[in-house]
Amino acid sequence: PWLAKLYPEELRTEGHTLFQKLVSFTTLNESISYCVYKQNDGICEFHFLATYTDTIEKNKMMLGHGCDHDVGAPTYESRTFAFVSPNTFAITEYATSVHDSLIGEDGWIKKGQDFLEAETSTDSTIRKFEIDPWGQIKEITTYTLSRVFTLNDAEKTLGQPCQLSDSSTQRTATALLYKCSYKADTTVKGKTGNIYLMIERYDKQADAQQKYSSIKKSNADHQGVKTLSGLGDEAYFHSDEENFCFIMARKGNYVLTMKVNKLTALTSVSEFNSIAKRIASNF
């Protein structure tokens, strides 16, 4: 009843109505609880988290937002969230932008251009938080997916100068996916090395577990497969020691996949393993 009073279905101000709905309520201990609620003003929808000591608000923050986009604006920003455990959650911030060449001196998209029809690029930042036993919301980690695996990492692994050949972020019905790949500048004895990375952050841990187990099961009978320890919750390595090496690791809701295609005399498998371990440790 006290929550219903705090979050009525409608909030009326002068000439404006804000619609509100309580989404969930969770008790963490004898005195600390929190709720998730959403607000909609007809243009934007926001999700908020509020923590309570008994019935007194302790802390509050915005979890997610999405708005109708002005097609003349060069960037569209939004935010989603997912709970990893009862007291930890991750927020993903997206920024989708058109190319700089389409932006006029006034900072808006040039006349004759349209955000919805233009080629865009999306970057995303994942921020992880926890609610402590006293109801305070604390940020644990922050990282931008496009900076997780760098050109320097690729060059250390392939053993020579490289070029970024692909980088993309997309949202599916069940997960956030980030992919990138680098290609070596030169050929070594007829082989041109490539390294590929994919990070998947699933909304539900069960989906991450299913993805990992299905891929591992399909490769279980192949030569060169070995289980790894100290790399997330579960991980395995696979290589034929001539053409490729591959790592898949799962930690919580995250699945990391890395592969080098076309091993050469310059490829460093130890760097490959070390970089995979570093990336997974940040999930």
C-alpha atoms as a PDB file:
ATOM      1  CA  PRO A   1       0.000   0.000   0.000  1.00  0.00           C
ATOM      2  CA  TRP A   2       2.765   2.503   0.809  1.00  0.00           C
ATOM      3  CA  LEU A   3       4.348   1.917  -2.620  1.00  0.00           C
ATOM      4  CA  ALA A   4       1.024   2.515  -4.361  1.00  0.00           C
ATOM      5  CA  LYS A   5       0.833   5.898  -2.656  1.00  0.00           C
ATOM      6  CA  LEU A   6       4.374   6.762  -3.745  1.00  0.00           C
ATOM      7  CA  TYR A   7       3.804   5.742  -7.353  1.00  0.00           C
ATOM      8  CA  PRO A   8       0.276   6.668  -8.488  1.00  0.00           C
ATOM      9  CA  GLU A   9      -0.673   5.690 -12.033  1.00  0.00           C
ATOM     10  CA  GLU A  10      -0.852   9.328 -13.131  1.00  0.00           C
ATOM     11  CA  LEU A  11       1.134  12.389 -12.118  1.00  0.00           C
ATOM     12  CA  ARG A  12      -0.510  15.608 -13.247  1.00  0.00           C
ATOM     13  CA  THR A  13       1.303  18.900 -13.600  1.00  0.00           C
ATOM     14  CA  GLU A  14       0.212  22.066 -15.334  1.00  0.00           C
ATOM     15  CA  GLY A  15      -0.863  20.999 -18.828  1.00  0.00           C
ATOM     16  CA  HIS A  16       0.978  17.699 -18.631  1.00  0.00           C
ATOM     17  CA  THR A  17       0.276  14.123 -17.521  1.00  0.00           C
ATOM     18  CA  LEU A  18       2.985  11.589 -16.676  1.00  0.00           C
ATOM     19  CA  PHE A  19       1.929   7.941 -16.641  1.00  0.00           C
ATOM     20  CA  GLN A  20       3.606   5.750 -14.062  1.00  0.00           C
ATOM     21  CA  LYS A  21       3.692   2.033 -13.264  1.00  0.00           C
ATOM     22  CA  LEU A  22       5.351  -0.057 -10.554  1.00  0.00           C
ATOM     23  CA  VAL A  23       7.261  -2.880 -12.304  1.00  0.00           C
ATOM     24  CA  SER A  24       8.729  -4.916  -9.435  1.00  0.00           C
ATOM     25  CA  PHE A  25       9.523  -4.931  -5.726  1.00  0.00           C
ATOM     26  CA  THR A  26      12.399  -6.873  -4.117  1.00  0.00           C
ATOM     27  CA  THR A  27      13.386  -7.337  -0.467  1.00  0.00           C
ATOM     28  CA  LEU A  28      17.136  -7.689   0.104  1.00  0.00           C
ATOM     29  CA  ASN A  29      17.243  -7.987   3.897  1.00  0.00           C
ATOM     30  CA  GLU A  30      15.199  -7.121   6.973  1.00  0.00           C
ATOM     31  CA  SER A  31      15.355  -3.370   6.386  1.00  0.00           C
ATOM     32  CA  ILE A  32      16.478  -2.842   2.751  1.00  0.00           C
ATOM     33  CA  SER A  33      14.267  -3.221  -0.290  1.00  0.00           C
ATOM     34  CA  TYR A  34      13.996  -1.688  -3.750  1.00  0.00           C
ATOM     35  CA  CYS A  35      11.479  -1.194  -6.508  1.00  0.00           C
ATOM     36  CA  VAL A  36      11.675  -0.670 -10.245  1.00  0.00           C
ATOM     37  CA  TYR A  37       9.105   1.656 -11.766  1.00  0.00           C
ATOM     38  CA  LYS A  38       8.567   3.283 -15.142  1.00  0.00           C
ATOM     39  CA  GLN A  39       7.288   6.626 -16.348  1.00  0.00           C
ATOM     40  CA  ASN A  40       5.980   7.628 -19.777  1.00  0.00           C
ATOM     41  CA  ASP A  41       5.285  11.151 -20.980  1.00  0.00           C
ATOM     42  CA  GLY A  42       4.094  10.169 -24.460  1.00  0.00           C
ATOM     43  CA  ILE A  43       7.502  10.813 -26.031  1.00  0.00           C
ATOM     44  CA  CYS A  44       9.941   9.035 -23.728  1.00  0.00           C
ATOM     45  CA  GLU A  45       9.755   6.033 -21.426  1.00  0.00           C
ATOM     46  CA  PHE A  46      12.043   5.879 -18.395  1.00  0.00           C
ATOM     47  CA  HIS A  47      12.774   3.091 -15.898  1.00  0.00           C
ATOM     48  CA  PHE A  48      13.992   3.960 -12.401  1.00  0.00           C
ATOM     49  CA  LEU A  49      15.346   2.056  -9.437  1.00  0.00           C
ATOM     50  CA  ALA A  50      14.648   3.292  -5.903  1.00  0.00           C
ATOM     51  CA  THR A  51      16.010   1.691  -2.733  1.00  0.00           C
ATOM     52  CA  TYR A  52      14.343   1.940   0.680  1.00  0.00           C
ATOM     53  CA  THR A  53      15.223   1.591   4.333  1.00  0.00           C
ATOM     54  CA  ASP A  54      11.897   0.341   5.637  1.00  0.00           C
ATOM     55  CA  THR A  55       9.599   2.822   3.806  1.00  0.00           C
ATOM     56  CA  ILE A  56      12.064   5.714   3.506  1.00  0.00           C
ATOM     57  CA  GLU A  57      13.743   6.266   0.119  1.00  0.00           C
ATOM     58  CA  LYS A  58      17.499   5.765   0.368  1.00  0.00           C
ATOM     59  CA  ASN A  59      18.835   6.040  -3.183  1.00  0.00           C
ATOM     60  CA  LYS A  60      17.488   6.403  -6.719  1.00  0.00           C
ATOM     61  CA  MET A  61      18.840   6.213 -10.267  1.00  0.00           C
ATOM     62  CA  MET A  62      17.653   5.921 -13.855  1.00  0.00           C
ATOM     63  CA  LEU A  63      17.960   2.392 -15.254  1.00  0.00           C
ATOM     64  CA  GLY A  64      16.757   2.831 -18.814  1.00  0.00           C
ATOM     65  CA  HIS A  65      15.250   5.241 -21.285  1.00  0.00           C
ATOM     66  CA  GLY A  66      14.060   5.364 -24.855  1.00  0.00           C
ATOM     67  CA  CYS A  67      12.478   8.264 -26.749  1.00  0.00           C
ATOM     68  CA  ASP A  68      10.974   9.026 -30.127  1.00  0.00           C
ATOM     69  CA  HIS A  69      13.903  10.247 -32.213  1.00  0.00           C
ATOM     70  CA  ASP A  70      14.092  13.530 -34.089  1.00  0.00           C
ATOM     71  CA  VAL A  71      15.368  12.382 -37.509  1.00  0.00           C
ATOM     72  CA  GLY A  72      17.246  15.651 -37.864  1.00  0.00           C
ATOM     73  CA  ALA A  73      19.450  14.904 -34.861  1.00  0.00           C
ATOM     74  CA  PRO A  74      22.749  13.161 -35.755  1.00  0.00           C
ATOM     75  CA  THR A  75      22.857  10.930 -32.659  1.00  0.00           C
ATOM     76  CA  TYR A  76      20.276   8.777 -30.910  1.00  0.00           C
ATOM     77  CA  GLU A  77      21.006   7.703 -27.339  1.00  0.00           C
ATOM     78  CA  SER A  78      19.179   5.087 -25.300  1.00  0.00           C
ATOM     79  CA  ARG A  79      19.729   2.899 -22.267  1.00  0.00           C
ATOM     80  CA  THR A  80      18.655  -0.631 -21.299  1.00  0.00           C
ATOM     81  CA  PHE A  81      19.157  -2.652 -18.127  1.00  0.00           C
ATOM     82  CA  ALA A  82      19.218  -6.233 -16.896  1.00  0.00           C
ATOM     83  CA  PHE A  83      19.529  -7.679 -13.388  1.00  0.00           C
ATOM     84  CA  VAL A  84      22.405 -10.149 -13.006  1.00  0.00           C
ATOM     85  CA  SER A  85      21.389 -11.123  -9.455  1.00  0.00           C
ATOM     86  CA  PRO A  86      18.937  -9.732  -6.874  1.00  0.00           C
ATOM     87  CA  ASN A  87      21.418  -7.006  -5.906  1.00  0.00           C
ATOM     88  CA  THR A  88      23.500  -6.493  -9.081  1.00  0.00           C
ATOM     89  CA  PHE A  89      22.478  -5.099 -12.439  1.00  0.00           C
ATOM     90  CA  ALA A  90      24.039  -3.929 -15.687  1.00  0.00           C
ATOM     91  CA  ILE A  91      23.110  -0.851 -17.673  1.00  0.00           C
ATOM     92  CA  THR A  92      23.968  -0.661 -21.365  1.00  0.00           C
ATOM     93  CA  GLU A  93      24.173   2.809 -22.891  1.00  0.00           C
ATOM     94  CA  TYR A  94      23.865   3.038 -26.685  1.00  0.00           C
ATOM     95  CA  ALA A  95      24.897   5.913 -28.943  1.00  0.00           C
ATOM     96  CA  THR A  96      23.990   5.565 -32.623  1.00  0.00           C
ATOM     97  CA  SER A  97      25.377   8.267 -34.914  1.00  0.00           C
ATOM     98  CA  VAL A  98      25.529   9.198 -38.569  1.00  0.00           C
ATOM     99  CA  HIS A  99      28.891   9.882 -40.242  1.00  0.00           C
ATOM    100  CA  ASP A 100      30.443  13.293 -39.563  1.00  0.00           C
ATOM    101  CA  SER A 101      30.132  14.157 -43.275  1.00  0.00           C
ATOM    102  CA  LEU A 102      26.338  14.251 -42.896  1.00  0.00           C
ATOM    103  CA  ILE A 103      26.398  16.805 -40.054  1.00  0.00           C
ATOM    104  CA  GLY A 104      26.075  20.500 -40.869  1.00  0.00           C
ATOM    105  CA  GLU A 105      27.768  23.447 -39.199  1.00  0.00           C
ATOM    106  CA  ASP A 106      24.713  23.904 -37.001  1.00  0.00           C
ATOM    107  CA  GLY A 107      25.219  20.423 -35.501  1.00  0.00           C
ATOM    108  CA  TRP A 108      22.145  18.920 -37.179  1.00  0.00           C
ATOM    109  CA  ILE A 109      21.901  16.493 -40.107  1.00  0.00           C
ATOM    110  CA  LYS A 110      22.264  18.318 -43.421  1.00  0.00           C
ATOM    111  CA  LYS A 111      19.167  19.099 -45.446  1.00  0.00           C
ATOM    112  CA  GLY A 112      18.145  16.262 -47.733  1.00  0.00           C
ATOM    113  CA  GLN A 113      19.565  13.659 -45.345  1.00  0.00           C
ATOM    114  CA  ASP A 114      17.606  11.480 -42.928  1.00  0.00           C
ATOM    115  CA  PHE A 115      18.805   9.641 -39.811  1.00  0.00           C
ATOM    116  CA  LEU A 116      16.592   6.631 -40.534  1.00  0.00           C
ATOM    117  CA  GLU A 117      17.992   6.222 -44.059  1.00  0.00           C
ATOM    118  CA  ALA A 118      21.621   7.117 -43.342  1.00  0.00           C
ATOM    119  CA  GLU A 119      24.369   4.621 -42.592  1.00  0.00           C
ATOM    120  CA  THR A 120      25.025   4.721 -38.855  1.00  0.00           C
ATOM    121  CA  SER A 121      27.465   3.272 -36.332  1.00  0.00           C
ATOM    122  CA  THR A 122      26.593   2.228 -32.795  1.00  0.00           C
ATOM    123  CA  ASP A 123      28.839   2.228 -29.760  1.00  0.00           C
ATOM    124  CA  SER A 124      27.809   0.907 -26.388  1.00  0.00           C
ATOM    125  CA  THR A 125      29.073   1.183 -22.838  1.00  0.00           C
ATOM    126  CA  ILE A 126      28.246  -1.363 -20.142  1.00  0.00           C
ATOM    127  CA  ARG A 127      28.139  -0.191 -16.528  1.00  0.00           C
ATOM    128  CA  LYS A 128      27.688  -2.680 -13.709  1.00  0.00           C
ATOM    129  CA  PHE A 129      26.198  -1.728 -10.321  1.00  0.00           C
ATOM    130  CA  GLU A 130      25.408  -3.348  -7.010  1.00  0.00           C
ATOM    131  CA  ILE A 131      23.010  -2.464  -4.207  1.00  0.00           C
ATOM    132  CA  ASP A 132      24.925  -2.809  -0.960  1.00  0.00           C
ATOM    133  CA  PRO A 133      23.412  -4.086   2.352  1.00  0.00           C
ATOM    134  CA  TRP A 134      22.641  -0.485   3.370  1.00  0.00           C
ATOM    135  CA  GLY A 135      20.702   0.374   0.204  1.00  0.00           C
ATOM    136  CA  GLN A 136      23.401   2.408  -1.519  1.00  0.00           C
ATOM    137  CA  ILE A 137      23.819   1.948  -5.284  1.00  0.00           C
ATOM    138  CA  LYS A 138      27.492   1.585  -6.195  1.00  0.00           C
ATOM    139  CA  GLU A 139      29.110   1.309  -9.619  1.00  0.00           C
ATOM    140  CA  ILE A 140      31.376  -1.739  -9.900  1.00  0.00           C
ATOM    141  CA  THR A 141      32.767  -1.614 -13.446  1.00  0.00           C
ATOM    142  CA  THR A 142      32.456   0.399 -16.649  1.00  0.00           C
ATOM    143  CA  TYR A 143      33.721  -0.468 -20.094  1.00  0.00           C
ATOM    144  CA  THR A 144      33.019   0.454 -23.687  1.00  0.00           C
ATOM    145  CA  LEU A 145      32.737  -2.599 -25.929  1.00  0.00           C
ATOM    146  CA  SER A 146      34.620  -1.025 -28.840  1.00  0.00           C
ATOM    147  CA  ARG A 147      37.625  -0.537 -26.516  1.00  0.00           C
ATOM    148  CA  VAL A 148      37.661  -4.025 -24.980  1.00  0.00           C
ATOM    149  CA  PHE A 149      39.806  -5.508 -27.744  1.00  0.00           C
ATOM    150  CA  THR A 150      42.218  -3.036 -29.324  1.00  0.00           C
ATOM    151  CA  LEU A 151      44.486  -2.800 -32.350  1.00  0.00           C
ATOM    152  CA  ASN A 152      47.426  -3.347 -29.999  1.00  0.00           C
ATOM    153  CA  ASP A 153      45.836  -6.603 -28.769  1.00  0.00           C
ATOM    154  CA  ALA A 154      45.398  -7.806 -32.350  1.00  0.00           C
ATOM    155  CA  GLU A 155      48.974  -6.948 -33.286  1.00  0.00           C
ATOM    156  CA  LYS A 156      50.375  -8.693 -30.204  1.00  0.00           C
ATOM    157  CA  THR A 157      48.425 -11.826 -31.122  1.00  0.00           C
ATOM    158  CA  LEU A 158      49.110 -11.898 -34.861  1.00  0.00           C
ATOM    159  CA  GLY A 159      52.705 -10.695 -34.399  1.00  0.00           C
ATOM    160  CA  GLN A 160      52.568  -7.957 -37.020  1.00  0.00           C
ATOM    161  CA  PRO A 161      50.809  -4.700 -37.980  1.00  0.00           C
ATOM    162  CA  CYS A 162      47.056  -5.077 -38.540  1.00  0.00           C
ATOM    163  CA  GLN A 163      44.018  -3.175 -39.731  1.00  0.00           C
ATOM    164  CA  LEU A 164      40.521  -3.139 -38.273  1.00  0.00           C
ATOM    165  CA  SER A 165      38.282  -4.885 -40.806  1.00  0.00           C
ATOM    166  CA  ASP A 166      34.941  -4.927 -38.965  1.00  0.00           C
ATOM    167  CA  SER A 167      33.296  -3.545 -35.832  1.00  0.00           C
ATOM    168  CA  SER A 168      29.597  -3.613 -35.019  1.00  0.00           C
ATOM    169  CA  THR A 169      27.133  -3.652 -32.146  1.00  0.00           C
ATOM    170  CA  GLN A 170      23.617  -5.007 -32.386  1.00  0.00           C
ATOM    171  CA  ARG A 171      20.732  -5.860 -30.144  1.00  0.00           C
ATOM    172  CA  THR A 172      18.816  -9.141 -30.571  1.00  0.00           C
ATOM    173  CA  ALA A 173      15.703 -10.324 -28.762  1.00  0.00           C
ATOM    174  CA  THR A 174      17.810 -11.973 -26.040  1.00  0.00           C
ATOM    175  CA  ALA A 175      21.261 -10.373 -26.046  1.00  0.00           C
ATOM    176  CA  LEU A 176      23.581  -7.508 -26.872  1.00  0.00           C
ATOM    177  CA  LEU A 177      26.233  -8.537 -29.423  1.00  0.00           C
ATOM    178  CA  TYR A 178      29.541  -6.846 -30.163  1.00  0.00           C
ATOM    179  CA  LYS A 179      31.776  -8.114 -32.974  1.00  0.00           C
ATOM    180  CA  CYS A 180      35.118  -6.977 -34.317  1.00  0.00           C
ATOM    181  CA  SER A 181      37.886  -8.374 -36.471  1.00  0.00           C
ATOM    182  CA  TYR A 182      41.418  -7.408 -37.494  1.00  0.00           C
ATOM    183  CA  LYS A 183      43.458  -8.509 -40.503  1.00  0.00           C
ATOM    184  CA  ALA A 184      47.253  -8.718 -40.707  1.00  0.00           C
ATOM    185  CA  ASP A 185      48.913  -6.346 -43.178  1.00  0.00           C
ATOM    186  CA  THR A 186      51.186  -8.949 -44.746  1.00  0.00           C
ATOM    187  CA  THR A 187      51.098 -12.591 -45.787  1.00  0.00           C
ATOM    188  CA  VAL A 188      53.444 -15.109 -44.172  1.00  0.00           C
ATOM    189  CA  LYS A 189      54.186 -18.158 -46.326  1.00  0.00           C
ATOM    190  CA  GLY A 190      50.855 -17.867 -48.089  1.00  0.00           C
ATOM    191  CA  LYS A 191      48.833 -17.188 -44.929  1.00  0.00           C
ATOM    192  CA  THR A 192      47.193 -13.916 -43.905  1.00  0.00           C
ATOM    193  CA  GLY A 193      46.236 -13.918 -40.245  1.00  0.00           C
ATOM    194  CA  ASN A 194      42.847 -12.734 -39.034  1.00  0.00           C
ATOM    195  CA  ILE A 195      41.529 -12.444 -35.503  1.00  0.00           C
ATOM    196  CA  TYR A 196      37.848 -12.327 -34.610  1.00  0.00           C
ATOM    197  CA  LEU A 197      36.126 -11.422 -31.358  1.00  0.00           C
ATOM    198  CA  MET A 198      32.501 -11.565 -30.267  1.00  0.00           C
ATOM    199  CA  ILE A 199      31.024 -10.616 -26.897  1.00  0.00           C
ATOM    200  CA  GLU A 200      27.431 -11.538 -26.110  1.00  0.00           C
ATOM    201  CA  ARG A 201      25.683 -10.196 -23.033  1.00  0.00           C
ATOM    202  CA  TYR A 202      22.459 -12.126 -22.527  1.00  0.00           C
ATOM    203  CA  ASP A 203      19.498 -10.820 -20.571  1.00  0.00           C
ATOM    204  CA  LYS A 204      19.184 -14.222 -18.888  1.00  0.00           C
ATOM    205  CA  GLN A 205      22.067 -16.338 -17.628  1.00  0.00           C
ATOM    206  CA  ALA A 206      20.286 -19.506 -18.771  1.00  0.00           C
ATOM    207  CA  ASP A 207      20.541 -18.291 -22.384  1.00  0.00           C
ATOM    208  CA  ALA A 208      24.277 -17.679 -21.988  1.00  0.00           C
ATOM    209  CA  GLN A 209      24.704 -21.166 -20.537  1.00  0.00           C
ATOM    210  CA  GLN A 210      22.735 -22.662 -23.415  1.00  0.00           C
ATOM    211  CA  LYS A 211      24.824 -20.848 -26.025  1.00  0.00           C
ATOM    212  CA  TYR A 212      28.100 -21.978 -24.460  1.00  0.00           C
ATOM    213  CA  SER A 213      27.059 -25.596 -23.904  1.00  0.00           C
ATOM    214  CA  SER A 214      25.636 -26.033 -27.418  1.00  0.00           C
ATOM    215  CA  ILE A 215      28.832 -24.794 -29.106  1.00  0.00           C
ATOM    216  CA  LYS A 216      31.104 -26.808 -26.832  1.00  0.00           C
ATOM    217  CA  LYS A 217      29.027 -29.955 -27.346  1.00  0.00           C
ATOM    218  CA  SER A 218      29.254 -29.602 -31.133  1.00  0.00           C
ATOM    219  CA  ASN A 219      33.068 -29.502 -30.898  1.00  0.00           C
ATOM    220  CA  ALA A 220      33.595 -31.977 -28.042  1.00  0.00           C
ATOM    221  CA  ASP A 221      34.702 -34.872 -30.267  1.00  0.00           C
ATOM    222  CA  HIS A 222      37.235 -32.843 -32.259  1.00  0.00           C
ATOM    223  CA  GLN A 223      40.960 -33.125 -31.668  1.00  0.00           C
ATOM    224  CA  GLY A 224      42.688 -30.263 -29.917  1.00  0.00           C
ATOM    225  CA  VAL A 225      39.822 -29.386 -27.555  1.00  0.00           C
ATOM    226  CA  LYS A 226      40.678 -28.803 -23.903  1.00  0.00           C
ATOM    227  CA  THR A 227      38.797 -27.358 -20.946  1.00  0.00           C
ATOM    228  CA  LEU A 228      40.287 -24.202 -19.398  1.00  0.00           C
ATOM    229  CA  SER A 229      40.247 -23.140 -15.755  1.00  0.00           C
ATOM    230  CA  GLY A 230      40.517 -19.642 -14.358  1.00  0.00           C
ATOM    231  CA  LEU A 231      38.685 -18.117 -17.322  1.00  0.00           C
ATOM    232  CA  GLY A 232      35.168 -17.153 -16.238  1.00  0.00           C
ATOM    233  CA  ASP A 233      32.706 -19.778 -15.033  1.00  0.00           C
ATOM    234  CA  GLU A 234      33.492 -22.192 -17.874  1.00  0.00           C
ATOM    235  CA  ALA A 235      35.759 -22.062 -20.903  1.00  0.00           C
ATOM    236  CA  TYR A 236      37.488 -24.212 -23.505  1.00  0.00           C
ATOM    237  CA  PHE A 237      40.284 -23.898 -26.048  1.00  0.00           C
ATOM    238  CA  HIS A 238      40.391 -25.535 -29.483  1.00  0.00           C
ATOM    239  CA  SER A 239      43.185 -25.594 -32.069  1.00  0.00           C
ATOM    240  CA  ASP A 240      44.518 -27.822 -34.825  1.00  0.00           C
ATOM    241  CA  GLU A 241      47.953 -26.142 -34.240  1.00  0.00           C
ATOM    242  CA  GLU A 242      48.207 -25.309 -37.932  1.00  0.00           C
ATOM    243  CA  ASN A 243      45.253 -23.262 -39.158  1.00  0.00           C
ATOM    244  CA  PHE A 244      43.332 -21.819 -36.210  1.00  0.00           C
ATOM    245  CA  CYS A 245      42.972 -21.371 -32.456  1.00  0.00           C
ATOM    246  CA  PHE A 246      39.693 -20.677 -30.701  1.00  0.00           C
ATOM    247  CA  ILE A 247      38.480 -19.779 -27.198  1.00  0.00           C
ATOM    248  CA  MET A 248      34.965 -19.651 -25.855  1.00  0.00           C
ATOM    249  CA  ALA A 249      34.307 -18.562 -22.281  1.00  0.00           C
ATOM    250  CA  ARG A 250      31.196 -17.828 -20.248  1.00  0.00           C
ATOM    251  CA  LYS A 251      31.011 -15.719 -17.115  1.00  0.00           C
ATOM    252  CA  GLY A 252      27.552 -15.081 -15.741  1.00  0.00           C
ATOM    253  CA  ASN A 253      25.431 -13.589 -18.516  1.00  0.00           C
ATOM    254  CA  TYR A 254      28.422 -13.019 -20.822  1.00  0.00           C
ATOM    255  CA  VAL A 255      29.869 -15.231 -23.549  1.00  0.00           C
ATOM    256  CA  LEU A 256      33.241 -14.425 -25.110  1.00  0.00           C
ATOM    257  CA  THR A 257      34.308 -15.969 -28.413  1.00  0.00           C
ATOM    258  CA  MET A 258      37.768 -15.390 -29.916  1.00  0.00           C
ATOM    259  CA  LYS A 259      39.371 -17.012 -32.936  1.00  0.00           C
ATOM    260  CA  VAL A 260      42.550 -16.652 -34.947  1.00  0.00           C
ATOM    261  CA  ASN A 261      42.170 -17.921 -38.490  1.00  0.00           C
ATOM    262  CA  LYS A 262      45.365 -18.798 -40.381  1.00  0.00           C
ATOM    263  CA  LEU A 263      48.052 -19.384 -37.760  1.00  0.00           C
ATOM    264  CA  THR A 264      51.516 -18.263 -38.876  1.00  0.00           C
ATOM    265  CA  ALA A 265      54.988 -18.441 -37.410  1.00  0.00           C
ATOM    266  CA  LEU A 266      54.352 -14.958 -35.965  1.00  0.00           C
ATOM    267  CA  THR A 267      51.119 -15.816 -34.137  1.00  0.00           C
ATOM    268  CA  SER A 268      51.348 -15.751 -30.342  1.00  0.00           C
ATOM    269  CA  VAL A 269      48.923 -18.240 -28.808  1.00  0.00           C
ATOM    270  CA  SER A 270      50.095 -17.202 -25.323  1.00  0.00           C
ATOM    271  CA  GLU A 271      49.077 -13.583 -26.021  1.00  0.00           C
ATOM    272  CA  PHE A 272      45.774 -14.847 -27.415  1.00  0.00           C
ATOM    273  CA  ASN A 273      45.083 -16.745 -24.173  1.00  0.00           C
ATOM    274  CA  SER A 274      46.234 -13.868 -21.964  1.00  0.00           C
ATOM    275  CA  ILE A 275      44.027 -11.323 -23.721  1.00  0.00           C
ATOM    276  CA  ALA A 276      40.994 -13.625 -23.506  1.00  0.00           C
ATOM    277  CA  LYS A 277      41.579 -14.015 -19.765  1.00  0.00           C
ATOM    278  CA  ARG A 278      41.857 -10.245 -19.297  1.00  0.00           C
ATOM    279  CA  ILE A 279      38.638  -9.545 -21.207  1.00  0.00           C
ATOM    280  CA  ALA A 280      36.647 -12.223 -19.355  1.00  0.00           C
ATOM    281  CA  SER A 281      37.868 -10.967 -15.984  1.00  0.00           C
ATOM    282  CA  ASN A 282      36.093  -7.647 -16.640  1.00  0.00           C
ATOM    283  CA  PHE A 283      32.664  -9.213 -17.172  1.00  0.00           C
END
